[in-house]
Protein backbone atom coordinates (compact mmCIF):
# COMPACT_ATOMS: atom_id res chain seq x y z
CA UNK A 1 10.31 -37.31 9.49
CA UNK A 2 12.91 -39.62 7.70
CA UNK A 3 13.66 -42.87 9.09
CA UNK A 4 16.93 -43.34 6.40
CA UNK A 5 19.59 -41.02 5.51
CA UNK A 6 22.60 -41.43 3.10
CA UNK A 7 25.56 -39.36 3.51
CA UNK A 8 28.03 -38.79 0.38
CA UNK A 9 31.78 -38.78 1.39
CA UNK A 10 35.04 -38.87 -0.19
CA UNK A 11 36.81 -42.45 0.22
CA UNK A 12 39.91 -41.24 1.93
CA UNK A 13 40.19 -42.47 5.87
CA UNK A 14 39.83 -38.78 7.08
CA UNK A 15 36.92 -38.13 4.81
CA UNK A 16 35.18 -41.61 6.17
CA UNK A 17 36.03 -40.60 10.00
CA UNK A 18 34.31 -37.25 9.58
CA UNK A 19 31.32 -38.69 7.72
CA UNK A 20 31.24 -41.22 10.58
CA UNK A 21 31.08 -38.83 13.19
CA UNK A 22 28.15 -36.96 11.64
CA UNK A 23 26.35 -40.42 11.09
CA UNK A 24 26.84 -41.01 14.64
CA UNK A 25 25.78 -37.77 16.01
CA UNK A 26 22.71 -38.25 13.96
CA UNK A 27 21.71 -41.81 15.27
CA UNK A 28 22.40 -40.15 18.85
CA UNK A 29 20.10 -37.49 18.19
CA UNK A 30 17.24 -39.41 16.59
CA UNK A 31 16.58 -42.63 17.89
CA UNK A 32 15.71 -45.31 15.09
CA UNK A 33 17.37 -43.37 12.49
CA UNK A 34 19.34 -45.54 10.10
CA UNK A 35 22.37 -43.81 8.44
CA UNK A 36 24.42 -45.01 5.56
CA UNK A 37 27.60 -43.83 4.01
CA UNK A 38 28.04 -43.61 0.30
CA UNK A 39 31.99 -43.31 -0.38
CA UNK A 40 32.89 -42.11 -3.66
CA UNK A 41 35.98 -40.57 -5.62
CA UNK A 42 36.13 -37.13 -6.72
CA UNK A 43 38.03 -35.54 -9.75
CA UNK A 44 40.19 -34.08 -6.85
CA UNK A 45 41.20 -37.16 -5.70
CA UNK A 46 41.87 -38.68 -9.30
CA UNK A 47 44.41 -35.82 -10.18
CA UNK A 48 47.62 -36.19 -8.02
CA UNK A 49 49.96 -34.97 -10.55
CA UNK A 50 49.58 -31.51 -10.53
CA UNK A 51 48.87 -28.52 -7.91
CA UNK A 52 45.43 -28.32 -6.76
CA UNK A 53 45.30 -24.50 -7.61
CA UNK A 54 46.23 -25.31 -11.13
CA UNK A 55 43.07 -27.65 -11.63
CA UNK A 56 40.21 -25.84 -10.27
CA UNK A 57 40.86 -25.71 -6.33
CA UNK A 58 39.47 -27.80 -3.80
CA UNK A 59 35.64 -27.28 -5.08
CA UNK A 60 36.83 -30.53 -7.35
CA UNK A 61 36.38 -32.59 -4.14
CA UNK A 62 32.37 -31.39 -3.68
CA UNK A 63 31.21 -31.69 -7.38
CA UNK A 64 30.65 -35.57 -7.29
CA UNK A 65 29.07 -35.66 -3.82
CA UNK A 66 26.77 -32.77 -5.00
CA UNK A 67 25.78 -34.83 -8.22
CA UNK A 68 24.91 -37.81 -6.08
CA UNK A 69 22.61 -35.61 -4.02
CA UNK A 70 20.95 -34.11 -6.97
CA UNK A 71 20.51 -37.42 -8.70
CA UNK A 72 19.01 -38.73 -5.39
CA UNK A 73 21.80 -41.08 -4.59
CA UNK A 74 22.45 -39.17 -1.27
CA UNK A 75 20.59 -36.71 1.19
CA UNK A 76 23.45 -35.23 2.73
CA UNK A 77 27.26 -34.64 2.07
CA UNK A 78 30.01 -34.24 4.52
CA UNK A 79 33.14 -31.95 3.87
CA UNK A 80 35.94 -30.59 5.61
CA UNK A 81 34.74 -26.61 5.94
CA UNK A 82 38.01 -25.46 4.71
CA UNK A 83 37.41 -27.52 1.50
CA UNK A 84 33.99 -25.61 0.63
CA UNK A 85 34.22 -22.82 -1.86
CA UNK A 86 33.15 -19.27 -0.58
CA UNK A 87 29.81 -19.58 -2.67
CA UNK A 88 27.73 -22.56 -3.21
CA UNK A 89 25.46 -22.97 -6.24
CA UNK A 90 22.24 -21.84 -5.24
CA UNK A 91 20.14 -25.23 -4.65
CA UNK A 92 22.49 -26.20 -1.98
CA UNK A 93 22.63 -25.41 1.77
CA UNK A 94 25.60 -25.61 4.10
CA UNK A 95 25.67 -25.69 7.76
CA UNK A 96 28.55 -26.31 10.30
CA UNK A 97 28.03 -29.16 12.57
CA UNK A 98 29.82 -30.53 15.85
CA UNK A 99 32.15 -28.46 17.90
CA UNK A 100 35.08 -27.16 15.83
CA UNK A 101 38.38 -29.22 16.27
CA UNK A 102 41.87 -27.53 16.70
CA UNK A 103 42.14 -25.17 13.68
CA UNK A 104 45.87 -24.90 13.78
CA UNK A 105 48.33 -26.21 11.41
CA UNK A 106 51.19 -28.81 12.33
CA UNK A 107 54.82 -29.09 11.46
CA UNK A 108 55.48 -32.72 10.91
CA UNK A 109 59.02 -33.78 11.09
CA UNK A 110 60.96 -36.67 12.19
CA UNK A 111 64.45 -34.81 13.17
CA UNK A 112 63.23 -31.09 14.03
CA UNK A 113 60.76 -29.70 16.61
CA UNK A 114 60.16 -26.17 15.18
CA UNK A 115 60.16 -24.41 11.96
CA UNK A 116 63.44 -22.23 13.59
CA UNK A 117 65.25 -25.42 13.97
CA UNK A 118 64.98 -26.50 10.33
CA UNK A 119 68.08 -26.02 8.54
CA UNK A 120 68.88 -23.52 5.87
CA UNK A 121 67.60 -24.65 2.64
CA UNK A 122 65.44 -27.41 4.17
CA UNK A 123 62.56 -28.80 1.84
CA UNK A 124 58.96 -28.48 3.24
CA UNK A 125 56.29 -29.88 1.73
CA UNK A 126 52.44 -28.57 1.44
CA UNK A 127 49.71 -28.59 -1.02
CA UNK A 128 48.45 -25.02 0.35
CA UNK A 129 49.60 -21.69 -0.86
CA UNK A 130 48.42 -20.26 2.30
CA UNK A 131 51.04 -22.43 4.33
CA UNK A 132 53.43 -21.81 1.85
CA UNK A 133 53.50 -18.09 2.01
CA UNK A 134 53.41 -18.16 5.76
CA UNK A 135 56.24 -20.41 5.90
CA UNK A 136 58.36 -18.26 3.47
CA UNK A 137 57.42 -15.32 5.49
CA UNK A 138 59.02 -16.69 8.83
CA UNK A 139 61.97 -18.63 6.77
CA UNK A 140 62.59 -17.11 3.22
CA UNK A 141 65.59 -19.70 2.96
CA UNK A 142 63.17 -22.57 2.98
CA UNK A 143 62.01 -24.44 -0.14
CA UNK A 144 58.33 -24.98 -0.20
CA UNK A 145 57.13 -27.54 -2.48
CA UNK A 146 53.79 -28.68 -3.45
CA UNK A 147 52.45 -32.43 -2.38
CA UNK A 148 49.47 -34.37 -3.07
CA UNK A 149 47.66 -37.38 -1.85
CA UNK A 150 45.92 -38.42 1.46
CA UNK A 151 47.41 -37.90 4.77
CA UNK A 152 49.02 -41.21 5.04
CA UNK A 153 50.15 -41.05 1.59
CA UNK A 154 51.98 -37.71 2.46
CA UNK A 155 53.52 -39.11 5.57
CA UNK A 156 54.65 -41.88 3.75
CA UNK A 157 56.71 -39.72 1.49
CA UNK A 158 58.06 -37.78 4.36
CA UNK A 159 59.13 -40.97 6.14
CA UNK A 160 61.01 -41.92 2.88
CA UNK A 161 62.68 -38.61 3.08
CA UNK A 162 61.45 -36.98 0.13
CA UNK A 163 61.09 -33.89 2.09
CA UNK A 164 62.68 -32.56 5.51
CA UNK A 165 59.22 -31.70 6.84
CA UNK A 166 55.52 -31.03 5.96
CA UNK A 167 52.56 -28.95 6.94
CA UNK A 168 49.45 -30.58 7.74
CA UNK A 169 46.33 -29.70 9.51
CA UNK A 170 46.21 -30.63 13.25
CA UNK A 171 42.42 -31.78 13.09
CA UNK A 172 43.26 -34.33 10.34
CA UNK A 173 46.18 -35.86 12.27
CA UNK A 174 44.34 -36.10 15.45
CA UNK A 175 40.94 -37.29 14.02
CA UNK A 176 43.29 -40.10 12.33
CA UNK A 177 44.69 -40.99 15.67
CA UNK A 178 47.98 -39.97 14.72
CA UNK A 179 48.43 -36.62 16.64
CA UNK A 180 51.87 -37.68 17.88
CA UNK A 181 53.35 -36.90 14.49
CA UNK A 182 52.81 -33.18 15.17
CA UNK A 183 56.19 -31.79 15.92
CA UNK A 184 55.08 -28.31 16.31
CA UNK A 185 51.76 -26.80 16.64
CA UNK A 186 51.52 -23.33 14.14
CA UNK A 187 48.73 -21.55 15.97
CA UNK A 188 46.65 -18.45 15.63
CA UNK A 189 47.11 -15.34 15.69
CA UNK A 190 50.70 -15.79 14.60
CA UNK A 191 50.08 -18.37 12.03
CA UNK A 192 46.51 -18.16 10.60
CA UNK A 193 44.53 -21.22 9.60
CA UNK A 194 42.26 -21.60 6.33
CA UNK A 195 38.79 -20.49 6.27
CA UNK A 196 36.95 -23.00 8.41
CA UNK A 197 39.92 -25.10 9.15
CA UNK A 198 39.06 -27.99 12.08
CA UNK A 199 35.04 -27.73 11.19
CA UNK A 200 32.99 -29.94 9.72
CA UNK A 201 30.40 -29.18 7.08
CA UNK A 202 26.86 -30.84 6.21
CA UNK A 203 25.52 -29.60 2.72
CA UNK A 204 22.13 -30.65 1.39
CA UNK A 205 19.85 -29.53 -1.39
CA UNK A 206 17.62 -26.89 0.02
CA UNK A 207 14.55 -28.25 -1.43
CA UNK A 208 14.67 -31.01 1.37
CA UNK A 209 13.48 -28.47 3.93
CA UNK A 210 12.89 -31.56 6.62
CA UNK A 211 16.69 -32.09 6.86
CA UNK A 212 17.17 -28.59 8.51
CA UNK A 213 15.06 -30.30 11.38
CA UNK A 214 16.99 -33.32 11.59
CA UNK A 215 20.37 -31.61 11.49
CA UNK A 216 19.55 -28.84 14.13
CA UNK A 217 20.57 -31.13 17.05
CA UNK A 218 24.17 -31.42 15.64
CA UNK A 219 24.89 -27.50 15.29
CA UNK A 220 27.52 -26.17 18.02
CA UNK A 221 26.56 -22.58 18.50
CA UNK A 222 30.00 -21.16 18.98
CA UNK A 223 31.26 -23.00 16.11
CA UNK A 224 28.56 -21.88 13.79
CA UNK A 225 29.41 -18.22 14.96
CA UNK A 226 32.78 -18.19 14.10
CA UNK A 227 32.68 -19.85 10.79
CA UNK A 228 29.93 -17.58 9.84
CA UNK A 229 32.35 -14.65 10.39
CA UNK A 230 35.14 -16.49 8.55
CA UNK A 231 33.21 -17.27 5.52
CA UNK A 232 31.58 -13.81 5.58
CA UNK A 233 35.00 -12.27 4.98
CA UNK A 234 35.79 -14.96 2.36
CA UNK A 235 32.67 -13.88 0.34
CA UNK A 236 33.69 -10.19 0.34
CA UNK A 237 36.90 -11.11 -0.94
CA UNK A 238 35.28 -13.60 -3.54
CA UNK A 239 38.02 -16.13 -2.34
CA UNK A 240 38.27 -19.66 -3.87
CA UNK A 241 40.45 -22.45 -2.42
CA UNK A 242 43.06 -21.71 -5.32
CA UNK A 243 44.06 -18.61 -3.62
CA UNK A 244 45.86 -18.22 -0.21
CA UNK A 245 43.31 -16.86 2.02
CA UNK A 246 43.30 -17.20 5.93
CA UNK A 247 40.94 -16.48 8.94
CA UNK A 248 40.38 -17.23 12.16
CA UNK A 249 37.46 -16.18 14.72
CA UNK A 250 37.45 -16.46 18.25
CA UNK A 251 34.92 -15.95 20.92
CA UNK A 252 35.20 -14.18 24.49
CA UNK A 253 31.88 -13.72 26.09
CA UNK A 254 29.70 -11.85 23.60
CA UNK A 255 32.85 -10.54 21.85
CA UNK A 256 33.80 -12.05 18.52
CA UNK A 257 37.31 -11.11 17.24
CA UNK A 258 38.18 -11.88 13.60
CA UNK A 259 41.70 -12.14 12.17
CA UNK A 260 42.07 -12.12 8.24
CA UNK A 261 44.70 -12.27 5.86
CA UNK A 262 45.43 -12.72 2.07
CA UNK A 263 48.72 -14.07 0.84
CA UNK A 264 50.71 -11.63 -1.71
CA UNK A 265 52.64 -14.62 -3.25
CA UNK A 266 54.97 -12.11 -5.55
CA UNK A 267 55.89 -10.41 -2.21
CA UNK A 268 56.10 -13.37 -0.18
CA UNK A 269 53.87 -11.80 2.70
CA UNK A 270 50.46 -11.71 3.94
CA UNK A 271 48.15 -8.84 3.82
CA UNK A 272 46.31 -8.89 7.58
CA UNK A 273 43.68 -7.29 9.14
CA UNK A 274 41.82 -7.93 12.62
CA UNK A 275 38.57 -6.31 13.99
CA UNK A 276 36.01 -7.03 16.96
CA UNK A 277 32.54 -7.23 16.72
CA UNK A 278 29.69 -9.19 18.73
CA UNK A 279 28.48 -12.83 18.51
CA UNK A 280 25.02 -11.65 17.48
CA UNK A 281 26.58 -10.20 14.13
CA UNK A 282 29.21 -12.34 12.56
CA UNK A 283 28.34 -11.64 9.15
CA UNK A 284 28.98 -7.79 9.82
CA UNK A 285 32.42 -8.53 11.17
CA UNK A 286 33.27 -10.70 8.51
CA UNK A 287 32.21 -8.21 5.94
CA UNK A 288 34.34 -5.57 7.86
CA UNK A 289 37.47 -7.65 7.80
CA UNK A 290 36.95 -8.46 4.15
CA UNK A 291 36.57 -4.69 3.32
CA UNK A 292 39.68 -3.88 5.31
CA UNK A 293 41.82 -6.42 3.22
CA UNK A 294 40.48 -5.07 0.08
CA UNK A 295 41.35 -1.56 1.13
CA UNK A 296 45.13 -2.89 1.33
CA UNK A 297 44.96 -4.04 -2.04
CA UNK A 298 43.52 -7.63 -1.73
CA UNK A 299 42.01 -7.71 -5.13
CA UNK A 300 44.97 -7.20 -7.06
CA UNK A 301 46.95 -10.01 -5.21
CA UNK A 302 44.14 -12.60 -5.18
CA UNK A 303 44.63 -12.84 -8.88
CA UNK A 304 48.33 -13.59 -8.71
CA UNK A 305 50.41 -16.73 -9.55
CA UNK A 306 53.56 -17.26 -8.48
């Protein structure tokens, strides 16, 4: 078994926190294992003057890390699961590790404590089309605007009063130790998160079969089941991170419930579907919810641009 691993990661504070969490768990699971972080900048981090959907989506955050693994500079890469496209190149394996954090979104605002309290015409920043559509569905009078940059950069813009409020992921804020910035928690099923939001992903080259054994102790069963269902739905939709798709899987005993949604950008609303299945067949449940959304016309709206 290997005695040393290198983890490719983006250089943002949140990405480094996530990679370090995986590194710590690996060291605890395998006494004597050396784990090193290999921070790097991706194209998604470099291009900040355009909406992410216009430059190729969140998959841009993965490519540099995947190249590092193929070239032998790292054995693993750690991602936010919500940033991982539905389909990976065939040479890579993806697993969910560690228990899922809160998948909810967060309203961040220095003056108001809820979306309802925001004044008419208030400007709310988010880089996510999914969040923008759900916001407009609740409050058509609000202005949804794009914002790029890491969490601290975005918060600095809010504090400089460039916006009235902002929507971010609860998990990211809490992982960075700034959970107090959450003015209101936007939770499922009334407000749906991104596919895989709150979960951590580890990616590796499938040819390195021994890595599966090293990573096995890090897999959290309920999290893996929920993420499998959500990503199965996303694959049926052929969704990318450039389009507004939402999903939330919850477990109650052996029962698995999956809520899914696709944003109709022109109509300013979400097409929604929900179904129940068993924890033993998360892929099947994800496929059913994806098919239900396609039956409502999801294929047509997935190609829209606002």
